[in-house]
Amino acid sequence: MNENRSIFALDGITGMLIATGLLLSILAFLTVNAMSVAQANAENFYKVKDEKNIKRISTENYKHIVSVNVK
């Protein structure tokens, strides 16, 4: 049997706390970035020009959307 055990080894409570802290920090980082991206896109408006000539299936449809930056 392994008699050389420690509660503070990286495969014990310490490892669990390190992994939990790392996952929570990644979650906080991604949440803050998602909120900043959403805020930037909420202030950006788009206008559709020449909507009569938009085809249902076409690779040229992106030319009809114009970004309107109102600040």
Protein backbone atom coordinates (compact mmCIF):
# COMPACT_ATOMS: atom_id res chain seq x y z
CA MET A 1 0.00 0.00 0.00
CA ASN A 2 0.99 3.57 -0.51
CA GLU A 3 1.71 5.00 2.95
CA ASN A 4 3.06 8.27 1.53
CA ARG A 5 -0.19 10.23 1.23
CA SER A 6 -0.76 13.94 1.68
CA ILE A 7 -3.98 15.93 1.78
CA PHE A 8 -2.18 18.92 0.23
CA ALA A 9 -0.82 17.06 -2.80
CA LEU A 10 -1.83 18.31 -6.25
CA ASP A 11 -4.11 15.32 -6.69
CA GLY A 12 -6.00 16.15 -3.51
CA ILE A 13 -7.78 19.23 -2.21
CA THR A 14 -5.12 21.60 -3.52
CA GLY A 15 -5.45 20.28 -7.06
CA MET A 16 -9.21 20.55 -6.89
CA LEU A 17 -8.99 24.17 -5.67
CA ILE A 18 -6.46 25.07 -8.38
CA ALA A 19 -8.66 23.52 -11.08
CA THR A 20 -11.78 25.25 -9.73
CA GLY A 21 -10.02 28.61 -9.55
CA LEU A 22 -8.68 28.19 -13.08
CA LEU A 23 -12.11 27.31 -14.45
CA LEU A 24 -13.76 30.25 -12.67
CA SER A 25 -11.13 32.67 -13.96
CA ILE A 26 -11.64 31.39 -17.53
CA LEU A 27 -15.40 31.80 -17.09
CA ALA A 28 -14.98 35.37 -15.82
CA PHE A 29 -12.63 36.25 -18.71
CA LEU A 30 -14.99 34.88 -21.37
CA THR A 31 -18.02 36.56 -19.76
CA VAL A 32 -16.36 39.98 -19.71
CA ASN A 33 -15.25 39.60 -23.33
CA ALA A 34 -18.73 38.50 -24.41
CA MET A 35 -20.29 41.51 -22.70
CA SER A 36 -17.86 43.92 -24.42
CA VAL A 37 -18.52 42.35 -27.83
CA ALA A 38 -22.29 42.55 -27.27
CA GLN A 39 -22.01 46.21 -26.22
CA ALA A 40 -19.94 47.09 -29.28
CA ASN A 41 -22.41 45.42 -31.63
CA ALA A 42 -25.45 46.89 -29.88
CA GLU A 43 -24.21 50.37 -30.80
CA ASN A 44 -23.52 49.42 -34.43
CA PHE A 45 -26.48 49.72 -36.79
CA TYR A 46 -26.88 48.23 -40.24
CA LYS A 47 -28.89 49.46 -43.19
CA VAL A 48 -30.08 47.33 -46.10
CA LYS A 49 -29.72 49.07 -49.44
CA ASP A 50 -31.38 48.08 -52.69
CA GLU A 51 -33.53 45.41 -51.05
CA LYS A 52 -35.47 44.73 -54.27
CA ASN A 53 -32.43 43.17 -55.93
CA ILE A 54 -31.48 40.75 -53.14
CA LYS A 55 -31.55 37.18 -54.41
CA ARG A 56 -32.58 34.26 -52.24
CA ILE A 57 -29.40 32.23 -52.87
CA SER A 58 -26.43 34.37 -53.79
CA THR A 59 -22.91 34.96 -52.60
CA GLU A 60 -23.26 38.66 -53.44
CA ASN A 61 -25.88 39.40 -50.74
CA TYR A 62 -23.28 40.85 -48.37
CA LYS A 63 -23.00 43.91 -50.63
CA HIS A 64 -26.54 44.99 -49.68
CA ILE A 65 -25.72 45.44 -45.96
CA VAL A 66 -24.08 48.73 -45.01
CA SER A 67 -22.77 49.49 -41.54
CA VAL A 68 -23.99 52.81 -40.13
CA ASN A 69 -21.75 53.96 -37.27
CA VAL A 70 -23.69 56.50 -35.25
CA LYS A 71 -21.69 57.95 -32.37
